[in-house]
């Protein structure tokens, strides 16, 4: 049985309702994955499973059950107007969710990378130290936790068995 890795391609500006939906979807997916992972011990045997029944099953059947219970990692990629999410100088009114801070907290909690397309970021005035130096720009404004990467990163994420979900 092949597992698919969810790839969330986020393209909407942080002010768009779909940008908030992408964050909520990611939280739910990671919470679900964590709940499943907590049901499996280090050796791959389900805590709630009857050990005697597992021993009686063929090794092939047992391995298939374990593979089904282990979730594939989640991949994220910020592209187009979603690059604005990586701007640490982006102001947000108090009555709206600050998606930059929310993504940073989620990334820290689950050890997720937050890759942003470098060309779309630069064209929207978002730069890191390396690109500021390379393109002779004054300063940088990429938020902590976000990394500016090339489109090759997206291509690598799309290789193999991925389930692409665009917001």
C-alpha atoms as a PDB file:
ATOM      1  CA  UNK A   1       0.000   0.000   0.000  1.00  0.00           C
ATOM      2  CA  UNK A   2       1.432   3.385  -0.999  1.00  0.00           C
ATOM      3  CA  UNK A   3       0.911   6.426   1.175  1.00  0.00           C
ATOM      4  CA  UNK A   4       0.503   9.901  -0.230  1.00  0.00           C
ATOM      5  CA  UNK A   5       2.084  12.963   1.267  1.00  0.00           C
ATOM      6  CA  UNK A   6      -0.240  15.945   1.487  1.00  0.00           C
ATOM      7  CA  UNK A   7       1.284  19.005  -0.180  1.00  0.00           C
ATOM      8  CA  UNK A   8      -0.433  22.261   0.678  1.00  0.00           C
ATOM      9  CA  UNK A   9       0.253  24.835  -2.008  1.00  0.00           C
ATOM     10  CA  UNK A  10      -0.822  28.109  -0.434  1.00  0.00           C
ATOM     11  CA  UNK A  11      -1.314  30.886  -2.995  1.00  0.00           C
ATOM     12  CA  UNK A  12      -3.757  33.316  -1.390  1.00  0.00           C
ATOM     13  CA  UNK A  13      -2.861  36.575   0.331  1.00  0.00           C
ATOM     14  CA  UNK A  14      -3.104  36.388   4.148  1.00  0.00           C
ATOM     15  CA  UNK A  15      -6.176  38.649   4.035  1.00  0.00           C
ATOM     16  CA  UNK A  16      -8.069  36.138   1.858  1.00  0.00           C
ATOM     17  CA  UNK A  17     -10.420  33.694   3.664  1.00  0.00           C
ATOM     18  CA  UNK A  18      -8.737  30.711   1.975  1.00  0.00           C
ATOM     19  CA  UNK A  19      -5.440  31.616   3.653  1.00  0.00           C
ATOM     20  CA  UNK A  20      -7.083  31.198   7.054  1.00  0.00           C
ATOM     21  CA  UNK A  21      -8.714  27.977   5.871  1.00  0.00           C
ATOM     22  CA  UNK A  22      -5.291  26.612   4.875  1.00  0.00           C
ATOM     23  CA  UNK A  23      -4.028  27.213   8.417  1.00  0.00           C
ATOM     24  CA  UNK A  24      -7.097  25.573   9.979  1.00  0.00           C
ATOM     25  CA  UNK A  25      -6.821  22.592   7.611  1.00  0.00           C
ATOM     26  CA  UNK A  26      -3.145  22.163   8.475  1.00  0.00           C
ATOM     27  CA  UNK A  27      -3.852  22.286  12.211  1.00  0.00           C
ATOM     28  CA  UNK A  28      -6.569  19.647  11.870  1.00  0.00           C
ATOM     29  CA  UNK A  29      -4.396  17.390   9.697  1.00  0.00           C
ATOM     30  CA  UNK A  30      -1.435  17.627  12.083  1.00  0.00           C
ATOM     31  CA  UNK A  31      -3.643  17.002  15.112  1.00  0.00           C
ATOM     32  CA  UNK A  32      -5.108  13.930  13.429  1.00  0.00           C
ATOM     33  CA  UNK A  33      -1.642  12.684  12.484  1.00  0.00           C
ATOM     34  CA  UNK A  34      -0.408  13.211  16.055  1.00  0.00           C
ATOM     35  CA  UNK A  35      -3.376  11.295  17.449  1.00  0.00           C
ATOM     36  CA  UNK A  36      -2.633   8.341  15.154  1.00  0.00           C
ATOM     37  CA  UNK A  37       1.083   8.489  15.979  1.00  0.00           C
ATOM     38  CA  UNK A  38       0.260   8.379  19.703  1.00  0.00           C
ATOM     39  CA  UNK A  39      -1.597   5.105  19.126  1.00  0.00           C
ATOM     40  CA  UNK A  40       1.559   3.432  17.794  1.00  0.00           C
ATOM     41  CA  UNK A  41       4.485   2.580  20.070  1.00  0.00           C
ATOM     42  CA  UNK A  42       8.151   2.794  19.111  1.00  0.00           C
ATOM     43  CA  UNK A  43       8.196  -0.774  17.799  1.00  0.00           C
ATOM     44  CA  UNK A  44       5.166  -0.176  15.592  1.00  0.00           C
ATOM     45  CA  UNK A  45       2.638  -2.219  17.599  1.00  0.00           C
ATOM     46  CA  UNK A  46      -0.659  -0.498  18.279  1.00  0.00           C
ATOM     47  CA  UNK A  47      -1.196   0.121  22.008  1.00  0.00           C
ATOM     48  CA  UNK A  48      -4.871  -0.709  21.738  1.00  0.00           C
ATOM     49  CA  UNK A  49      -4.378  -3.767  19.533  1.00  0.00           C
ATOM     50  CA  UNK A  50      -4.629  -7.240  20.896  1.00  0.00           C
ATOM     51  CA  UNK A  51      -1.043  -8.503  20.802  1.00  0.00           C
ATOM     52  CA  UNK A  52      -2.074 -12.149  20.470  1.00  0.00           C
ATOM     53  CA  UNK A  53      -4.158 -11.367  17.390  1.00  0.00           C
ATOM     54  CA  UNK A  54      -1.235  -9.488  15.836  1.00  0.00           C
ATOM     55  CA  UNK A  55       1.054 -12.473  16.429  1.00  0.00           C
ATOM     56  CA  UNK A  56      -1.433 -14.777  14.765  1.00  0.00           C
ATOM     57  CA  UNK A  57      -1.591 -12.676  11.604  1.00  0.00           C
ATOM     58  CA  UNK A  58       0.847 -13.265   8.835  1.00  0.00           C
ATOM     59  CA  UNK A  59       3.820 -10.913   8.858  1.00  0.00           C
ATOM     60  CA  UNK A  60       2.712  -9.397   5.553  1.00  0.00           C
ATOM     61  CA  UNK A  61      -0.751  -8.553   6.860  1.00  0.00           C
ATOM     62  CA  UNK A  62       0.704  -7.137  10.072  1.00  0.00           C
ATOM     63  CA  UNK A  63       3.091  -4.872   8.150  1.00  0.00           C
ATOM     64  CA  UNK A  64       0.262  -3.612   5.948  1.00  0.00           C
ATOM     65  CA  UNK A  65      -1.753  -2.641   9.037  1.00  0.00           C
ATOM     66  CA  UNK A  66       1.182  -0.778  10.526  1.00  0.00           C
ATOM     67  CA  UNK A  67       1.853   1.057   7.247  1.00  0.00           C
ATOM     68  CA  UNK A  68      -1.776   2.153   7.123  1.00  0.00           C
ATOM     69  CA  UNK A  69      -1.608   3.580  10.657  1.00  0.00           C
ATOM     70  CA  UNK A  70       1.547   5.645  10.084  1.00  0.00           C
ATOM     71  CA  UNK A  71       0.833   8.928   8.322  1.00  0.00           C
ATOM     72  CA  UNK A  72       3.062  10.515   5.744  1.00  0.00           C
ATOM     73  CA  UNK A  73       4.595  13.901   6.580  1.00  0.00           C
ATOM     74  CA  UNK A  74       2.968  17.137   5.528  1.00  0.00           C
ATOM     75  CA  UNK A  75       4.616  19.481   3.021  1.00  0.00           C
ATOM     76  CA  UNK A  76       3.851  23.187   2.716  1.00  0.00           C
ATOM     77  CA  UNK A  77       4.767  25.712   0.052  1.00  0.00           C
ATOM     78  CA  UNK A  78       3.883  29.416  -0.017  1.00  0.00           C
ATOM     79  CA  UNK A  79       3.576  30.750  -3.549  1.00  0.00           C
ATOM     80  CA  UNK A  80       2.254  33.878  -5.301  1.00  0.00           C
ATOM     81  CA  UNK A  81       0.364  36.231  -2.959  1.00  0.00           C
ATOM     82  CA  UNK A  82       0.845  33.831  -0.047  1.00  0.00           C
ATOM     83  CA  UNK A  83       4.435  35.112   0.077  1.00  0.00           C
ATOM     84  CA  UNK A  84       3.020  38.092   1.985  1.00  0.00           C
ATOM     85  CA  UNK A  85       2.544  35.709   4.915  1.00  0.00           C
ATOM     86  CA  UNK A  86       6.342  35.613   5.296  1.00  0.00           C
ATOM     87  CA  UNK A  87       6.651  39.398   5.698  1.00  0.00           C
ATOM     88  CA  UNK A  88       7.582  40.171   9.311  1.00  0.00           C
ATOM     89  CA  UNK A  89       6.672  43.840   8.762  1.00  0.00           C
ATOM     90  CA  UNK A  90       3.111  43.109   7.663  1.00  0.00           C
ATOM     91  CA  UNK A  91       0.727  44.879  10.016  1.00  0.00           C
ATOM     92  CA  UNK A  92      -2.405  43.103  11.173  1.00  0.00           C
ATOM     93  CA  UNK A  93      -5.343  44.729  12.977  1.00  0.00           C
ATOM     94  CA  UNK A  94      -6.210  43.342  16.402  1.00  0.00           C
ATOM     95  CA  UNK A  95      -9.559  41.914  15.268  1.00  0.00           C
ATOM     96  CA  UNK A  96      -7.961  39.661  12.630  1.00  0.00           C
ATOM     97  CA  UNK A  97      -5.802  36.577  12.983  1.00  0.00           C
ATOM     98  CA  UNK A  98      -2.110  37.244  12.433  1.00  0.00           C
ATOM     99  CA  UNK A  99      -1.396  34.358  10.059  1.00  0.00           C
ATOM    100  CA  UNK A 100       2.353  34.991  10.120  1.00  0.00           C
ATOM    101  CA  UNK A 101       2.501  34.380  13.869  1.00  0.00           C
ATOM    102  CA  UNK A 102       0.092  31.450  13.667  1.00  0.00           C
ATOM    103  CA  UNK A 103       2.178  29.698  10.993  1.00  0.00           C
ATOM    104  CA  UNK A 104       5.334  30.361  13.018  1.00  0.00           C
ATOM    105  CA  UNK A 105       3.790  28.789  16.135  1.00  0.00           C
ATOM    106  CA  UNK A 106       2.537  25.767  14.181  1.00  0.00           C
ATOM    107  CA  UNK A 107       5.922  25.294  12.511  1.00  0.00           C
ATOM    108  CA  UNK A 108       7.677  25.425  15.858  1.00  0.00           C
ATOM    109  CA  UNK A 109       5.245  22.988  17.483  1.00  0.00           C
ATOM    110  CA  UNK A 110       5.477  20.390  14.699  1.00  0.00           C
ATOM    111  CA  UNK A 111       9.004  21.163  13.416  1.00  0.00           C
ATOM    112  CA  UNK A 112       7.688  22.143   9.962  1.00  0.00           C
ATOM    113  CA  UNK A 113       9.670  24.079   7.384  1.00  0.00           C
ATOM    114  CA  UNK A 114       7.891  27.102   5.898  1.00  0.00           C
ATOM    115  CA  UNK A 115       9.257  27.390   2.351  1.00  0.00           C
ATOM    116  CA  UNK A 116       8.338  30.458   0.286  1.00  0.00           C
ATOM    117  CA  UNK A 117       9.016  30.858  -3.426  1.00  0.00           C
ATOM    118  CA  UNK A 118      11.955  33.259  -3.640  1.00  0.00           C
ATOM    119  CA  UNK A 119      10.931  34.911  -6.916  1.00  0.00           C
ATOM    120  CA  UNK A 120       7.373  35.621  -5.804  1.00  0.00           C
ATOM    121  CA  UNK A 121       8.645  36.875  -2.455  1.00  0.00           C
ATOM    122  CA  UNK A 122      11.199  39.221  -3.987  1.00  0.00           C
ATOM    123  CA  UNK A 123       8.657  40.588  -6.464  1.00  0.00           C
ATOM    124  CA  UNK A 124       6.426  41.430  -3.477  1.00  0.00           C
ATOM    125  CA  UNK A 125       9.191  43.147  -1.530  1.00  0.00           C
ATOM    126  CA  UNK A 126      10.038  40.280   0.808  1.00  0.00           C
ATOM    127  CA  UNK A 127      13.698  39.393   1.150  1.00  0.00           C
ATOM    128  CA  UNK A 128      16.133  37.571   3.411  1.00  0.00           C
ATOM    129  CA  UNK A 129      19.707  38.602   4.148  1.00  0.00           C
ATOM    130  CA  UNK A 130      21.276  36.578   1.314  1.00  0.00           C
ATOM    131  CA  UNK A 131      18.926  37.900  -1.358  1.00  0.00           C
ATOM    132  CA  UNK A 132      19.169  41.452  -0.035  1.00  0.00           C
ATOM    133  CA  UNK A 133      22.931  41.287  -0.484  1.00  0.00           C
ATOM    134  CA  UNK A 134      22.718  39.567  -3.883  1.00  0.00           C
ATOM    135  CA  UNK A 135      20.180  42.042  -5.277  1.00  0.00           C
ATOM    136  CA  UNK A 136      21.533  45.110  -3.450  1.00  0.00           C
ATOM    137  CA  UNK A 137      18.413  45.677  -1.372  1.00  0.00           C
ATOM    138  CA  UNK A 138      18.262  47.555   1.923  1.00  0.00           C
ATOM    139  CA  UNK A 139      17.679  45.101   4.773  1.00  0.00           C
ATOM    140  CA  UNK A 140      15.513  42.044   5.046  1.00  0.00           C
ATOM    141  CA  UNK A 141      11.977  41.449   6.222  1.00  0.00           C
ATOM    142  CA  UNK A 142      11.371  37.713   6.061  1.00  0.00           C
ATOM    143  CA  UNK A 143       9.721  36.456   9.247  1.00  0.00           C
ATOM    144  CA  UNK A 144      11.514  33.959  11.475  1.00  0.00           C
ATOM    145  CA  UNK A 145      10.845  30.378  10.446  1.00  0.00           C
ATOM    146  CA  UNK A 146      10.128  31.141   6.791  1.00  0.00           C
ATOM    147  CA  UNK A 147      12.769  30.273   4.184  1.00  0.00           C
ATOM    148  CA  UNK A 148      13.021  31.651   0.682  1.00  0.00           C
ATOM    149  CA  UNK A 149      13.560  28.735  -1.710  1.00  0.00           C
ATOM    150  CA  UNK A 150      13.487  28.086  -5.428  1.00  0.00           C
ATOM    151  CA  UNK A 151      10.703  26.364  -7.328  1.00  0.00           C
ATOM    152  CA  UNK A 152      12.868  23.252  -7.447  1.00  0.00           C
ATOM    153  CA  UNK A 153      11.831  22.677  -3.822  1.00  0.00           C
ATOM    154  CA  UNK A 154       8.197  22.526  -4.930  1.00  0.00           C
ATOM    155  CA  UNK A 155       9.119  20.154  -7.766  1.00  0.00           C
ATOM    156  CA  UNK A 156      10.905  17.844  -5.316  1.00  0.00           C
ATOM    157  CA  UNK A 157       7.847  17.846  -3.031  1.00  0.00           C
ATOM    158  CA  UNK A 158       5.644  16.923  -5.986  1.00  0.00           C
ATOM    159  CA  UNK A 159       7.742  13.908  -6.966  1.00  0.00           C
ATOM    160  CA  UNK A 160       6.434  10.528  -6.048  1.00  0.00           C
ATOM    161  CA  UNK A 161       3.072  10.162  -4.412  1.00  0.00           C
ATOM    162  CA  UNK A 162       1.802  13.526  -3.228  1.00  0.00           C
ATOM    163  CA  UNK A 163      -1.721  14.796  -2.853  1.00  0.00           C
ATOM    164  CA  UNK A 164      -1.701  18.445  -3.946  1.00  0.00           C
ATOM    165  CA  UNK A 165      -4.161  20.717  -2.167  1.00  0.00           C
ATOM    166  CA  UNK A 166      -4.208  24.368  -3.227  1.00  0.00           C
ATOM    167  CA  UNK A 167      -5.518  27.189  -1.080  1.00  0.00           C
END
